[in-house]
N, C-alpha and C. Protein backbone atom coordinates (compact mmCIF):
# COMPACT_ATOMS: atom_id res chain seq x y z
N MET A 1 -126.58 -48.82 8.06
CA MET A 1 -127.54 -48.52 8.13
C MET A 1 -127.28 -48.02 9.95
N SER A 2 -126.12 -48.41 10.75
CA SER A 2 -125.73 -48.31 12.04
C SER A 2 -126.21 -46.85 12.70
N GLY A 3 -126.50 -46.03 11.95
CA GLY A 3 -126.91 -44.53 12.66
C GLY A 3 -128.51 -44.79 12.54
N ASN A 4 -129.04 -45.93 11.95
CA ASN A 4 -130.34 -45.95 12.30
C ASN A 4 -130.83 -47.37 13.14
N SER A 5 -130.23 -47.25 14.45
CA SER A 5 -130.39 -48.54 14.51
C SER A 5 -131.99 -47.83 16.14
N LEU A 6 -132.30 -48.93 15.70
CA LEU A 6 -133.69 -48.88 16.69
C LEU A 6 -133.71 -49.95 17.75
N ALA A 7 -132.17 -50.16 18.42
CA ALA A 7 -132.24 -51.49 19.35
C ALA A 7 -133.19 -50.26 20.50
N ASN A 8 -134.12 -51.84 21.74
CA ASN A 8 -134.68 -51.14 22.17
C ASN A 8 -135.72 -50.16 22.35
N THR A 9 -136.21 -50.44 20.86
CA THR A 9 -137.34 -49.21 20.76
C THR A 9 -138.75 -49.67 20.10
N ARG A 10 -139.73 -49.71 21.02
CA ARG A 10 -141.03 -50.32 20.81
C ARG A 10 -141.85 -49.37 19.54
N PHE A 11 -142.35 -50.28 19.02
CA PHE A 11 -143.76 -49.58 17.51
C PHE A 11 -144.78 -50.65 18.03
N VAL A 12 -145.99 -49.44 17.77
CA VAL A 12 -147.68 -50.52 17.04
C VAL A 12 -147.57 -49.77 15.24
N LEU A 13 -147.75 -50.77 14.63
CA LEU A 13 -148.25 -50.45 13.52
C LEU A 13 -149.58 -50.58 12.87
N ALA A 14 -149.86 -49.51 11.78
CA ALA A 14 -151.22 -49.40 11.99
C ALA A 14 -151.72 -49.30 10.38
N ASP A 15 -151.78 -50.37 9.63
CA ASP A 15 -152.22 -49.90 8.21
C ASP A 15 -153.17 -51.11 7.25
N ASP A 16 -154.01 -50.83 6.63
CA ASP A 16 -154.98 -51.70 5.86
C ASP A 16 -154.58 -52.53 5.87
N HIS A 17 -153.20 -52.98 4.73
CA HIS A 17 -152.63 -53.79 4.07
C HIS A 17 -151.34 -54.40 4.90
N SER A 18 -151.89 -56.14 4.61
CA SER A 18 -151.41 -56.60 5.68
C SER A 18 -149.54 -56.85 4.77
N VAL A 19 -149.72 -56.94 3.81
CA VAL A 19 -147.89 -57.22 2.78
C VAL A 19 -147.17 -56.02 3.32
N VAL A 20 -147.91 -54.71 3.28
CA VAL A 20 -146.95 -53.15 3.94
C VAL A 20 -146.71 -53.27 5.46
N ARG A 21 -147.46 -53.66 6.24
CA ARG A 21 -147.42 -54.38 7.25
C ARG A 21 -146.29 -55.18 8.17
N MET A 22 -146.06 -55.73 7.32
CA MET A 22 -144.91 -56.97 6.98
C MET A 22 -143.51 -56.88 6.77
N GLY A 23 -143.67 -55.68 5.66
CA GLY A 23 -142.48 -55.12 5.16
C GLY A 23 -142.03 -54.05 6.25
N PHE A 24 -143.22 -53.51 6.24
CA PHE A 24 -142.34 -52.45 7.87
C PHE A 24 -141.84 -53.10 8.88
N ARG A 25 -142.58 -54.16 9.14
CA ARG A 25 -142.49 -55.08 10.50
C ARG A 25 -140.80 -55.79 9.87
N LEU A 26 -140.33 -56.23 9.67
CA LEU A 26 -139.67 -56.77 9.15
C LEU A 26 -138.49 -55.39 9.09
N LEU A 27 -138.41 -54.72 8.35
CA LEU A 27 -137.75 -53.14 8.27
C LEU A 27 -137.10 -52.99 9.83
N LEU A 28 -138.13 -53.29 10.62
CA LEU A 28 -137.85 -51.92 11.64
C LEU A 28 -137.21 -53.12 12.52
N GLU A 29 -137.52 -54.49 12.64
CA GLU A 29 -136.99 -55.33 13.25
C GLU A 29 -135.61 -55.95 12.78
N GLY A 30 -135.49 -55.57 11.77
CA GLY A 30 -133.86 -55.57 11.00
C GLY A 30 -132.92 -54.25 11.90
N ALA A 31 -133.66 -53.56 11.87
CA ALA A 31 -132.59 -52.74 12.70
C ALA A 31 -132.84 -52.33 14.40
N GLY A 32 -132.90 -53.36 14.74
CA GLY A 32 -133.14 -54.15 16.45
C GLY A 32 -134.31 -53.15 16.91
N ALA A 33 -135.93 -53.30 16.71
CA ALA A 33 -136.77 -52.54 17.37
C ALA A 33 -137.70 -53.85 17.55
N THR A 34 -138.64 -53.48 18.35
CA THR A 34 -139.69 -54.78 18.66
C THR A 34 -141.15 -53.76 18.31
N VAL A 35 -141.76 -54.93 17.27
CA VAL A 35 -142.84 -54.16 16.92
C VAL A 35 -144.02 -55.16 18.23
N LEU A 36 -144.53 -54.40 18.74
CA LEU A 36 -145.45 -54.52 19.89
C LEU A 36 -147.08 -55.08 18.99
N ALA A 37 -147.47 -54.54 18.34
CA ALA A 37 -148.64 -54.88 17.79
C ALA A 37 -149.05 -54.33 16.36
N GLU A 38 -150.28 -54.73 15.54
CA GLU A 38 -150.56 -54.49 14.76
C GLU A 38 -151.99 -54.35 14.71
N ALA A 39 -152.28 -52.90 13.31
CA ALA A 39 -153.70 -53.16 13.83
C ALA A 39 -153.76 -52.51 12.01
N ASP A 40 -155.01 -53.19 11.77
CA ASP A 40 -155.37 -52.84 10.12
C ASP A 40 -156.97 -51.71 10.37
N ARG A 41 -157.18 -51.06 10.86
CA ARG A 41 -158.15 -49.81 11.04
C ARG A 41 -157.53 -48.81 12.72
N GLY A 42 -158.53 -47.44 12.22
CA GLY A 42 -158.17 -46.56 12.85
C GLY A 42 -158.09 -47.02 14.71
N GLN A 43 -159.52 -47.67 14.91
CA GLN A 43 -159.80 -47.54 16.39
C GLN A 43 -159.20 -48.86 16.56
N ALA A 44 -158.67 -49.77 15.89
CA ALA A 44 -158.04 -50.74 16.17
C ALA A 44 -156.09 -50.31 16.39
N ALA A 45 -156.17 -49.43 16.26
CA ALA A 45 -154.90 -48.86 16.37
C ALA A 45 -155.40 -48.03 17.78
N ILE A 46 -155.83 -47.12 18.17
CA ILE A 46 -155.88 -46.66 19.11
C ILE A 46 -156.20 -47.35 20.20
N GLU A 47 -156.46 -48.71 20.15
CA GLU A 47 -156.60 -49.63 21.26
C GLU A 47 -155.97 -50.60 21.45
N ALA A 48 -154.67 -50.64 20.43
CA ALA A 48 -153.21 -51.54 20.34
C ALA A 48 -152.29 -50.20 21.38
N TYR A 49 -152.61 -49.04 20.76
CA TYR A 49 -151.40 -48.13 21.63
C TYR A 49 -151.65 -47.77 23.05
N GLU A 50 -153.18 -48.09 23.42
CA GLU A 50 -153.54 -47.73 24.54
C GLU A 50 -153.42 -49.27 25.63
N THR A 51 -153.08 -50.02 24.68
CA THR A 51 -152.62 -51.49 25.28
C THR A 51 -151.19 -51.98 25.94
N HIS A 52 -150.30 -51.25 24.95
CA HIS A 52 -148.40 -51.52 24.76
C HIS A 52 -147.89 -49.91 24.83
N LEU A 53 -149.03 -48.95 24.55
CA LEU A 53 -147.90 -48.24 24.95
C LEU A 53 -146.75 -47.76 24.74
N PRO A 54 -146.46 -48.36 22.83
CA PRO A 54 -145.12 -48.23 22.36
C PRO A 54 -144.35 -46.53 22.51
N ASP A 55 -143.41 -46.81 22.41
CA ASP A 55 -142.73 -45.64 21.75
C ASP A 55 -143.12 -44.54 21.00
N ALA A 56 -143.59 -45.03 19.81
CA ALA A 56 -144.22 -44.67 18.84
C ALA A 56 -145.18 -45.79 17.68
N LEU A 57 -146.31 -45.01 17.82
CA LEU A 57 -147.20 -45.56 16.18
C LEU A 57 -146.65 -45.26 15.46
N ILE A 58 -146.52 -45.83 14.45
CA ILE A 58 -146.49 -45.52 13.18
C ILE A 58 -147.82 -46.22 12.37
N MET A 59 -148.21 -44.89 11.37
CA MET A 59 -149.91 -44.99 10.68
C MET A 59 -150.08 -44.65 9.70
N ASP A 60 -150.91 -45.22 8.72
CA ASP A 60 -151.73 -44.92 7.47
C ASP A 60 -152.30 -43.86 7.16
N VAL A 61 -152.06 -43.05 7.01
CA VAL A 61 -153.50 -42.36 6.89
C VAL A 61 -154.80 -42.38 6.09
N SER A 62 -154.89 -43.43 5.49
CA SER A 62 -155.70 -43.83 4.52
C SER A 62 -156.21 -45.44 4.93
N MET A 63 -157.04 -45.83 6.35
CA MET A 63 -157.15 -46.85 6.52
C MET A 63 -158.83 -46.56 6.84
N PRO A 64 -159.73 -47.78 6.70
CA PRO A 64 -160.81 -47.74 7.41
C PRO A 64 -161.30 -47.22 9.06
N GLY A 65 -162.77 -46.74 8.84
CA GLY A 65 -162.93 -46.92 9.98
C GLY A 65 -162.62 -45.56 10.58
N GLY A 66 -163.25 -44.72 9.76
CA GLY A 66 -162.84 -42.79 10.12
C GLY A 66 -161.49 -42.65 9.06
N GLY A 67 -160.35 -43.44 9.08
CA GLY A 67 -159.54 -42.99 8.94
C GLY A 67 -157.69 -42.90 10.01
N GLY A 68 -157.01 -42.68 9.16
CA GLY A 68 -155.50 -42.34 10.23
C GLY A 68 -155.97 -41.16 10.69
N LEU A 69 -155.98 -40.21 9.73
CA LEU A 69 -156.25 -38.67 10.51
C LEU A 69 -157.73 -38.25 11.75
N ASP A 70 -158.79 -39.12 11.61
CA ASP A 70 -159.67 -39.12 12.66
C ASP A 70 -158.93 -40.07 13.88
N ALA A 71 -158.44 -41.29 14.05
CA ALA A 71 -157.77 -41.94 14.65
C ALA A 71 -156.33 -40.99 15.38
N LEU A 72 -156.25 -40.25 14.48
CA LEU A 72 -155.09 -39.41 15.26
C LEU A 72 -155.46 -38.24 16.44
N GLU A 73 -156.50 -37.21 15.34
CA GLU A 73 -156.92 -36.60 16.34
C GLU A 73 -157.79 -37.22 18.09
N ARG A 74 -158.67 -38.34 17.76
CA ARG A 74 -158.98 -39.43 18.93
C ARG A 74 -157.63 -39.77 19.49
N LEU A 75 -156.65 -39.91 19.34
CA LEU A 75 -155.62 -40.79 20.08
C LEU A 75 -155.04 -39.68 21.30
N MET A 76 -155.00 -38.44 20.08
CA MET A 76 -154.04 -37.36 20.65
C MET A 76 -154.58 -36.90 22.17
N GLY A 77 -156.52 -36.73 21.64
CA GLY A 77 -157.13 -35.89 22.16
C GLY A 77 -157.51 -37.25 24.04
N ARG A 78 -157.16 -38.31 23.84
CA ARG A 78 -156.96 -39.06 25.07
C ARG A 78 -155.12 -39.06 25.55
N HIS A 79 -154.24 -39.03 24.23
CA HIS A 79 -152.85 -39.32 24.63
C HIS A 79 -152.12 -38.12 24.21
N PRO A 80 -152.30 -36.62 24.77
CA PRO A 80 -151.49 -35.74 23.93
C PRO A 80 -149.99 -36.22 23.97
N GLU A 81 -149.66 -36.90 24.85
CA GLU A 81 -148.27 -37.50 24.55
C GLU A 81 -147.73 -38.46 23.75
N ALA A 82 -148.57 -38.90 22.91
CA ALA A 82 -148.36 -40.12 21.72
C ALA A 82 -147.55 -39.13 20.92
N ARG A 83 -146.48 -40.35 20.56
CA ARG A 83 -145.85 -39.89 19.13
C ARG A 83 -146.12 -40.42 18.19
N VAL A 84 -146.57 -40.20 17.56
CA VAL A 84 -146.75 -40.94 15.95
C VAL A 84 -146.54 -40.43 15.02
N LEU A 85 -146.02 -41.35 13.69
CA LEU A 85 -145.18 -41.24 12.62
C LEU A 85 -146.45 -41.54 11.40
N MET A 86 -147.04 -40.95 11.09
CA MET A 86 -147.83 -40.87 9.67
C MET A 86 -147.21 -41.17 9.02
N LEU A 87 -148.06 -42.29 7.96
CA LEU A 87 -147.64 -42.46 6.66
C LEU A 87 -148.67 -42.03 5.41
N SER A 88 -148.61 -42.09 4.06
CA SER A 88 -149.66 -41.93 3.12
C SER A 88 -148.82 -41.92 1.70
N ALA A 89 -149.31 -43.06 1.00
CA ALA A 89 -149.44 -43.01 -0.59
C ALA A 89 -149.12 -41.63 -1.57
N HIS A 90 -150.22 -40.59 -0.60
CA HIS A 90 -149.95 -39.91 -1.51
C HIS A 90 -149.22 -38.36 -1.08
N GLU A 91 -148.89 -37.84 -2.04
CA GLU A 91 -147.84 -36.08 -1.45
C GLU A 91 -148.20 -34.79 -1.85
N ASP A 92 -149.86 -34.77 -1.18
CA ASP A 92 -149.70 -33.40 -1.70
C ASP A 92 -149.45 -32.87 -0.10
N ALA A 93 -149.82 -31.01 -0.03
CA ALA A 93 -149.23 -30.94 1.06
C ALA A 93 -150.52 -30.95 2.47
N GLN A 94 -151.97 -30.63 1.73
CA GLN A 94 -153.09 -30.62 2.58
C GLN A 94 -152.60 -32.25 3.93
N ILE A 95 -152.88 -33.30 3.24
CA ILE A 95 -152.81 -34.13 4.48
C ILE A 95 -151.59 -34.07 5.53
N PRO A 96 -150.40 -34.29 5.14
CA PRO A 96 -149.58 -33.29 5.86
C PRO A 96 -149.91 -32.29 7.35
N VAL A 97 -149.72 -31.70 6.03
CA VAL A 97 -150.28 -30.19 7.42
C VAL A 97 -151.30 -30.33 8.52
N ARG A 98 -152.36 -31.26 7.69
CA ARG A 98 -153.44 -31.20 8.77
C ARG A 98 -152.78 -32.31 9.62
N ALA A 99 -152.05 -33.34 9.67
CA ALA A 99 -151.52 -34.24 10.58
C ALA A 99 -150.84 -33.92 11.37
N LEU A 100 -150.04 -32.94 11.00
CA LEU A 100 -149.21 -32.28 11.90
C LEU A 100 -149.79 -31.34 12.70
N LYS A 101 -150.51 -30.40 12.44
CA LYS A 101 -151.62 -29.93 13.23
C LYS A 101 -152.36 -30.49 14.32
N ALA A 102 -152.63 -31.31 13.90
CA ALA A 102 -153.73 -32.65 14.62
C ALA A 102 -152.63 -33.18 15.80
N GLY A 103 -151.22 -32.85 15.72
CA GLY A 103 -150.56 -33.89 16.79
C GLY A 103 -149.61 -34.55 16.52
N ALA A 104 -149.69 -35.29 15.17
CA ALA A 104 -148.41 -36.04 14.70
C ALA A 104 -146.73 -35.25 14.99
N THR A 105 -146.25 -36.32 15.54
CA THR A 105 -145.10 -36.11 15.41
C THR A 105 -144.02 -35.97 14.13
N GLY A 106 -144.37 -36.42 13.06
CA GLY A 106 -143.57 -36.89 12.01
C GLY A 106 -144.30 -37.47 10.79
N TYR A 107 -144.22 -37.36 9.70
CA TYR A 107 -144.97 -37.70 8.28
C TYR A 107 -143.76 -37.78 6.99
N LEU A 108 -144.65 -38.87 6.73
CA LEU A 108 -143.52 -39.62 5.52
C LEU A 108 -144.40 -40.12 4.46
N SER A 109 -143.41 -40.08 3.59
CA SER A 109 -144.25 -40.72 2.25
C SER A 109 -144.26 -42.00 1.87
N LYS A 110 -144.90 -43.08 1.74
CA LYS A 110 -144.44 -44.44 1.26
C LYS A 110 -144.03 -44.91 0.16
N SER A 111 -143.49 -43.59 -0.70
CA SER A 111 -142.64 -43.62 -1.51
C SER A 111 -140.69 -43.29 -0.86
N ALA A 112 -140.65 -42.87 0.46
CA ALA A 112 -139.79 -42.69 0.66
C ALA A 112 -138.72 -44.03 0.80
N HIS A 113 -137.98 -44.06 0.74
CA HIS A 113 -136.22 -45.08 0.69
C HIS A 113 -136.54 -45.82 2.02
N PRO A 114 -136.23 -46.83 2.69
CA PRO A 114 -136.20 -47.79 3.96
C PRO A 114 -135.76 -46.75 4.42
N ASP A 115 -134.44 -47.18 4.38
CA ASP A 115 -133.62 -45.94 4.76
C ASP A 115 -134.37 -44.68 5.42
N GLU A 116 -134.73 -43.75 5.22
CA GLU A 116 -135.53 -42.69 5.62
C GLU A 116 -137.07 -43.06 6.43
N LEU A 117 -137.06 -44.18 6.13
CA LEU A 117 -138.47 -44.61 6.91
C LEU A 117 -137.67 -45.04 8.62
N LEU A 118 -136.40 -45.88 8.59
CA LEU A 118 -135.97 -46.19 9.50
C LEU A 118 -135.53 -44.33 10.28
N ARG A 119 -134.88 -43.72 9.40
CA ARG A 119 -134.48 -42.41 10.03
C ARG A 119 -136.00 -41.08 10.88
N ALA A 120 -136.73 -41.39 10.14
CA ALA A 120 -137.92 -41.09 10.44
C ALA A 120 -138.79 -41.88 11.84
N ALA A 121 -138.51 -43.56 11.95
CA ALA A 121 -139.40 -44.02 13.01
C ALA A 121 -137.80 -43.85 14.43
N ARG A 122 -136.86 -43.22 13.90
CA ARG A 122 -136.19 -43.08 15.02
C ARG A 122 -136.17 -41.72 15.44
N ALA A 123 -136.37 -41.14 15.00
CA ALA A 123 -136.47 -39.37 15.61
C ALA A 123 -138.12 -38.92 16.16
N VAL A 124 -138.96 -40.13 15.43
CA VAL A 124 -140.32 -39.76 15.78
C VAL A 124 -140.41 -40.70 17.67
N SER A 125 -139.72 -41.70 17.77
CA SER A 125 -139.55 -42.71 18.86
C SER A 125 -138.86 -41.50 19.72
N GLN A 126 -138.39 -40.94 19.51
CA GLN A 126 -137.13 -40.00 20.52
C GLN A 126 -138.25 -38.62 20.98
N GLY A 127 -139.10 -38.21 20.09
CA GLY A 127 -140.01 -37.19 20.52
C GLY A 127 -139.53 -35.99 19.73
N ARG A 128 -138.60 -36.48 18.60
CA ARG A 128 -138.57 -35.28 17.73
C ARG A 128 -139.08 -35.35 16.40
N ARG A 129 -139.30 -33.85 16.03
CA ARG A 129 -139.97 -33.56 14.09
C ARG A 129 -139.34 -34.54 13.54
N TYR A 130 -140.18 -34.93 12.63
CA TYR A 130 -139.54 -35.34 11.05
C TYR A 130 -140.80 -35.15 10.04
N VAL A 131 -140.33 -34.72 9.39
CA VAL A 131 -140.84 -34.52 7.73
C VAL A 131 -140.14 -34.92 6.67
N ASP A 132 -141.08 -35.36 6.01
CA ASP A 132 -140.38 -36.32 4.65
C ASP A 132 -139.77 -35.12 3.88
N PRO A 133 -138.27 -34.70 3.71
CA PRO A 133 -137.50 -34.15 3.00
C PRO A 133 -138.37 -33.37 1.66
N LYS A 134 -138.84 -34.67 0.93
CA LYS A 134 -139.42 -34.32 -0.37
C LYS A 134 -140.75 -33.36 -0.23
N LEU A 135 -141.46 -33.40 1.17
CA LEU A 135 -142.61 -32.54 1.14
C LEU A 135 -141.98 -31.35 1.97
N ALA A 136 -141.20 -30.76 2.51
CA ALA A 136 -140.51 -30.03 3.27
C ALA A 136 -140.98 -28.69 2.73
N ALA A 137 -140.68 -28.41 1.89
CA ALA A 137 -140.88 -26.80 0.96
C ALA A 137 -142.49 -26.63 0.50
N ASP A 138 -143.11 -28.03 0.35
CA ASP A 138 -144.43 -27.89 -0.24
C ASP A 138 -144.95 -27.19 1.17
N LEU A 139 -144.64 -28.00 1.93
CA LEU A 139 -145.44 -27.44 3.50
C LEU A 139 -145.22 -26.08 3.84
N ALA A 140 -143.72 -25.57 3.97
CA ALA A 140 -143.85 -24.42 3.86
C ALA A 140 -144.69 -23.35 3.07
N LEU A 141 -144.32 -23.97 1.80
CA LEU A 141 -145.66 -23.03 1.08
C LEU A 141 -147.17 -23.22 1.02
N ALA A 142 -147.29 -24.06 1.73
CA ALA A 142 -148.67 -24.42 2.28
C ALA A 142 -149.00 -23.56 3.49
N GLN A 143 -148.42 -23.28 4.07
CA GLN A 143 -148.20 -22.36 5.69
C GLN A 143 -148.13 -21.43 5.39
N LEU A 144 -147.36 -20.70 4.74
CA LEU A 144 -147.55 -19.45 4.52
C LEU A 144 -148.40 -19.04 3.48
N ASP A 145 -148.84 -19.71 2.76
CA ASP A 145 -150.00 -19.64 1.39
C ASP A 145 -151.28 -20.42 1.36
N GLY A 146 -151.60 -20.34 2.34
CA GLY A 146 -152.56 -21.41 2.82
C GLY A 146 -153.99 -20.91 1.36
N GLY A 147 -154.08 -19.86 1.60
CA GLY A 147 -155.51 -19.42 0.95
C GLY A 147 -155.57 -19.68 -0.48
N THR A 148 -154.39 -19.88 -1.10
CA THR A 148 -154.36 -20.34 -2.12
C THR A 148 -155.09 -21.71 -2.97
N ASP A 149 -154.79 -22.95 -1.98
CA ASP A 149 -155.80 -24.12 -1.78
C ASP A 149 -156.96 -24.04 -1.31
N PRO A 150 -158.03 -24.37 -1.99
CA PRO A 150 -159.40 -24.64 -1.88
C PRO A 150 -159.78 -25.19 -0.32
N LEU A 151 -158.79 -26.74 -0.37
CA LEU A 151 -159.33 -27.15 1.34
C LEU A 151 -158.90 -26.55 2.31
N SER A 152 -158.11 -25.66 1.80
CA SER A 152 -157.66 -24.56 3.52
C SER A 152 -158.91 -24.22 4.26
N LYS A 153 -160.28 -24.20 3.29
CA LYS A 153 -160.98 -23.51 3.55
C LYS A 153 -161.95 -24.45 4.62
N LEU A 154 -161.78 -25.29 4.55
CA LEU A 154 -162.13 -26.74 5.37
C LEU A 154 -161.83 -27.19 6.97
N THR A 155 -162.46 -26.55 7.83
CA THR A 155 -162.31 -27.59 9.19
C THR A 155 -161.54 -28.59 9.30
N GLU A 156 -161.04 -29.35 10.48
CA GLU A 156 -160.22 -30.61 10.35
C GLU A 156 -161.58 -31.39 10.34
N LYS A 157 -162.75 -31.52 11.09
CA LYS A 157 -163.86 -32.46 11.28
C LYS A 157 -164.20 -32.45 9.29
N GLU A 158 -164.31 -31.29 8.74
CA GLU A 158 -164.80 -31.31 7.64
C GLU A 158 -163.72 -31.83 6.79
N PHE A 159 -162.87 -31.47 7.05
CA PHE A 159 -161.81 -32.43 5.45
C PHE A 159 -162.15 -33.74 5.91
N ALA A 160 -161.88 -34.12 7.33
CA ALA A 160 -162.28 -35.84 7.32
C ALA A 160 -163.65 -36.29 6.69
N VAL A 161 -164.34 -35.94 6.78
CA VAL A 161 -165.68 -35.66 6.16
C VAL A 161 -165.46 -35.73 4.50
N PHE A 162 -164.83 -34.74 4.56
CA PHE A 162 -164.26 -34.65 2.68
C PHE A 162 -163.94 -35.54 2.11
N LEU A 163 -162.83 -35.95 2.64
CA LEU A 163 -161.88 -36.91 2.08
C LEU A 163 -162.94 -38.38 1.83
N GLN A 164 -163.72 -38.96 3.02
CA GLN A 164 -164.17 -40.15 2.75
C GLN A 164 -165.45 -40.32 1.83
N LEU A 165 -166.05 -39.02 1.80
CA LEU A 165 -167.25 -38.71 0.61
C LEU A 165 -166.81 -38.87 -0.65
N ALA A 166 -165.26 -38.11 -0.73
CA ALA A 166 -164.74 -38.45 -2.17
C ALA A 166 -164.46 -39.35 -2.99
N GLN A 167 -164.04 -40.53 -2.20
CA GLN A 167 -164.40 -41.85 -2.13
C GLN A 167 -165.15 -42.84 -2.20
N GLY A 168 -165.77 -42.62 -2.37
CA GLY A 168 -167.15 -42.95 -2.21
C GLY A 168 -168.13 -43.51 -1.22
N LYS A 169 -167.74 -43.01 0.22
CA LYS A 169 -169.10 -43.10 1.22
C LYS A 169 -169.84 -42.82 1.36
N SER A 170 -170.78 -43.19 1.34
CA SER A 170 -172.19 -42.27 1.95
C SER A 170 -172.43 -42.10 3.30
N VAL A 171 -173.12 -40.70 3.79
CA VAL A 171 -173.21 -40.05 4.58
C VAL A 171 -173.27 -41.28 6.07
N ASN A 172 -174.11 -41.79 5.72
CA ASN A 172 -174.63 -43.27 6.35
C ASN A 172 -173.17 -43.81 6.91
N GLU A 173 -172.46 -44.16 5.40
CA GLU A 173 -171.13 -44.93 6.40
C GLU A 173 -169.90 -44.20 6.78
N VAL A 174 -169.60 -42.54 6.51
CA VAL A 174 -169.16 -42.19 7.16
C VAL A 174 -169.19 -41.66 8.62
N ALA A 175 -170.92 -41.73 8.76
CA ALA A 175 -171.52 -41.20 10.46
C ALA A 175 -170.67 -42.83 11.13
N GLU A 176 -170.88 -43.84 10.52
CA GLU A 176 -170.37 -44.55 11.32
C GLU A 176 -169.30 -44.94 11.45
N ALA A 177 -168.46 -44.72 10.80
CA ALA A 177 -167.02 -44.89 10.60
C ALA A 177 -166.81 -43.77 11.35
N THR A 178 -166.90 -42.31 11.98
CA THR A 178 -166.54 -41.42 12.65
C THR A 178 -167.40 -41.02 14.08
N HIS A 179 -168.49 -41.89 14.35
CA HIS A 179 -168.85 -42.42 15.35
C HIS A 179 -169.75 -40.68 16.07
N VAL A 180 -170.16 -40.45 14.35
CA VAL A 180 -171.27 -39.29 14.93
C VAL A 180 -172.71 -39.57 14.20
N SER A 181 -173.94 -38.60 14.40
CA SER A 181 -174.45 -38.76 14.02
C SER A 181 -174.89 -38.69 12.26
N PRO A 182 -176.07 -39.27 11.32
CA PRO A 182 -176.14 -39.08 10.20
C PRO A 182 -176.30 -37.47 9.35
N SER A 183 -177.09 -36.57 10.89
CA SER A 183 -177.51 -35.31 10.49
C SER A 183 -176.36 -34.76 10.37
N THR A 184 -175.41 -34.79 11.93
CA THR A 184 -174.06 -34.11 11.82
C THR A 184 -173.07 -34.03 10.69
N VAL A 185 -172.88 -35.47 10.02
CA VAL A 185 -172.33 -35.48 8.57
C VAL A 185 -173.19 -34.92 7.72
N GLY A 186 -174.25 -34.67 7.61
CA GLY A 186 -175.44 -33.78 6.73
C GLY A 186 -174.59 -32.33 6.86
N THR A 187 -174.67 -31.83 8.21
CA THR A 187 -174.50 -30.18 8.05
C THR A 187 -173.34 -30.47 7.67
N HIS A 188 -172.18 -31.22 8.17
CA HIS A 188 -170.93 -30.56 7.55
C HIS A 188 -169.99 -30.79 6.28
N LEU A 189 -171.30 -31.92 5.05
CA LEU A 189 -171.67 -32.12 3.72
C LEU A 189 -171.88 -30.73 3.12
N TYR A 190 -173.25 -30.34 4.12
CA TYR A 190 -173.77 -28.90 3.76
C TYR A 190 -172.50 -27.70 3.65
N HIS A 191 -171.90 -27.48 4.74
CA HIS A 191 -170.65 -26.89 4.63
C HIS A 191 -169.66 -26.75 3.76
N ILE A 192 -169.44 -27.83 3.30
CA ILE A 192 -168.25 -28.48 2.50
C ILE A 192 -168.59 -27.94 1.24
N LYS A 193 -169.86 -28.21 0.57
CA LYS A 193 -170.26 -28.00 -0.48
C LYS A 193 -170.57 -26.37 -0.71
N GLN A 194 -170.59 -25.57 0.74
CA GLN A 194 -170.63 -24.22 -0.05
C GLN A 194 -169.20 -23.84 -0.15
N LYS A 195 -168.53 -24.25 0.67
CA LYS A 195 -166.93 -23.43 0.45
C LYS A 195 -166.22 -23.98 -0.59
N LEU A 196 -166.82 -25.54 -1.14
CA LEU A 196 -165.56 -26.01 -2.01
C LEU A 196 -166.93 -25.58 -3.98
N SER A 197 -167.96 -25.16 -3.28
CA SER A 197 -168.78 -24.61 -4.24
C SER A 197 -169.14 -25.92 -5.58
N ALA A 198 -169.45 -26.99 -4.34
CA ALA A 198 -169.63 -27.94 -5.15
C ALA A 198 -171.05 -28.32 -5.25
N ASN A 199 -171.85 -29.26 -5.69
CA ASN A 199 -173.01 -29.27 -5.83
C ASN A 199 -173.60 -30.82 -5.62
N ASN A 200 -172.04 -32.01 -5.78
CA ASN A 200 -172.46 -33.11 -5.65
C ASN A 200 -171.36 -33.87 -5.43
N ALA A 201 -171.62 -35.04 -5.12
CA ALA A 201 -170.27 -36.28 -4.84
C ALA A 201 -169.65 -36.65 -5.42
N SER A 202 -170.12 -36.35 -6.90
CA SER A 202 -169.10 -36.29 -8.06
C SER A 202 -168.39 -35.65 -8.24
N GLU A 203 -168.39 -34.25 -7.61
CA GLU A 203 -167.41 -32.80 -7.78
C GLU A 203 -166.65 -32.98 -6.70
N LEU A 204 -166.96 -33.46 -5.44
CA LEU A 204 -166.58 -33.90 -4.52
C LEU A 204 -164.81 -34.54 -4.78
N THR A 205 -165.49 -35.41 -5.75
CA THR A 205 -164.46 -36.56 -6.21
C THR A 205 -163.57 -35.76 -6.34
N LEU A 206 -164.01 -35.18 -8.13
CA LEU A 206 -163.43 -34.59 -9.00
C LEU A 206 -162.20 -33.59 -8.43
N ILE A 207 -162.75 -32.73 -7.15
CA ILE A 207 -162.22 -31.88 -6.36
C ILE A 207 -160.62 -32.77 -5.75
N ALA A 208 -160.86 -33.75 -5.44
CA ALA A 208 -159.96 -34.33 -4.66
C ALA A 208 -158.76 -35.07 -5.52
N VAL A 209 -159.33 -35.53 -6.30
CA VAL A 209 -158.22 -36.28 -7.56
C VAL A 209 -157.50 -35.02 -7.68
N ARG A 210 -157.93 -33.21 -8.37
CA ARG A 210 -157.09 -32.41 -8.66
C ARG A 210 -156.18 -31.88 -7.68
N CYS A 211 -156.67 -32.25 -6.27
CA CYS A 211 -155.93 -32.08 -5.31
C CYS A 211 -154.80 -33.17 -5.24
N GLY A 212 -154.87 -34.31 -5.79
CA GLY A 212 -153.57 -35.13 -5.56
C GLY A 212 -154.35 -36.50 -3.74
N LEU A 213 -155.31 -35.83 -3.72
CA LEU A 213 -155.80 -36.67 -2.73
C LEU A 213 -156.09 -37.78 -2.89
N ILE A 214 -157.12 -38.13 -3.83
CA ILE A 214 -157.23 -39.55 -4.55
C ILE A 214 -156.58 -39.58 -6.04
N GLU A 215 -156.66 -40.76 -6.08
CA GLU A 215 -156.60 -41.43 -7.43
C GLU A 215 -157.78 -41.36 -8.30
N ALA A 216 -157.74 -40.81 -9.55
CA ALA A 216 -158.68 -40.84 -10.71
C ALA A 216 -159.29 -42.19 -10.91
């Protein structure tokens, strides 16, 4: 594990599961890194980053308060130099494609081996791109043939709203989490339904399940 040494490297961790954060902290600190702060939601991750200015932020895609993708977009708007390693339990190509387009330096599946996390953390903290080897081929295909995936029709904002609505959140809950008005979310919802040929929230959930974004 010497090749994954993280001595003198500083991180902020963001995941809504405290046990997961503890595991990441132990793994990183065991490799010599320092974990400066932890966060359990998107806004808290942004605030922790701005307070500590770490070498990298390691952040889960799925969190309360708008989620990791929304937090990533807002963070990059304020700090385009930020180095962010995004993690997800889902291995669908849509989320990593959008995360990397939004400015993430790296992307890794939570099913990866612990050594893989250390390699990814080291690369991202040094400003080098890192993509989960298991997802690399799917990402390349998604980039070349994005038209085959119905979700590729959605804008970044629409995709973020779609994910939350598909998880059962109401328009008002999504509006509060993303800091926009309910009417704005309603407009996004109208366009989402048009683009995906969906009639209601249940159909949005079904589409998300079929695309591997949420579990049935």
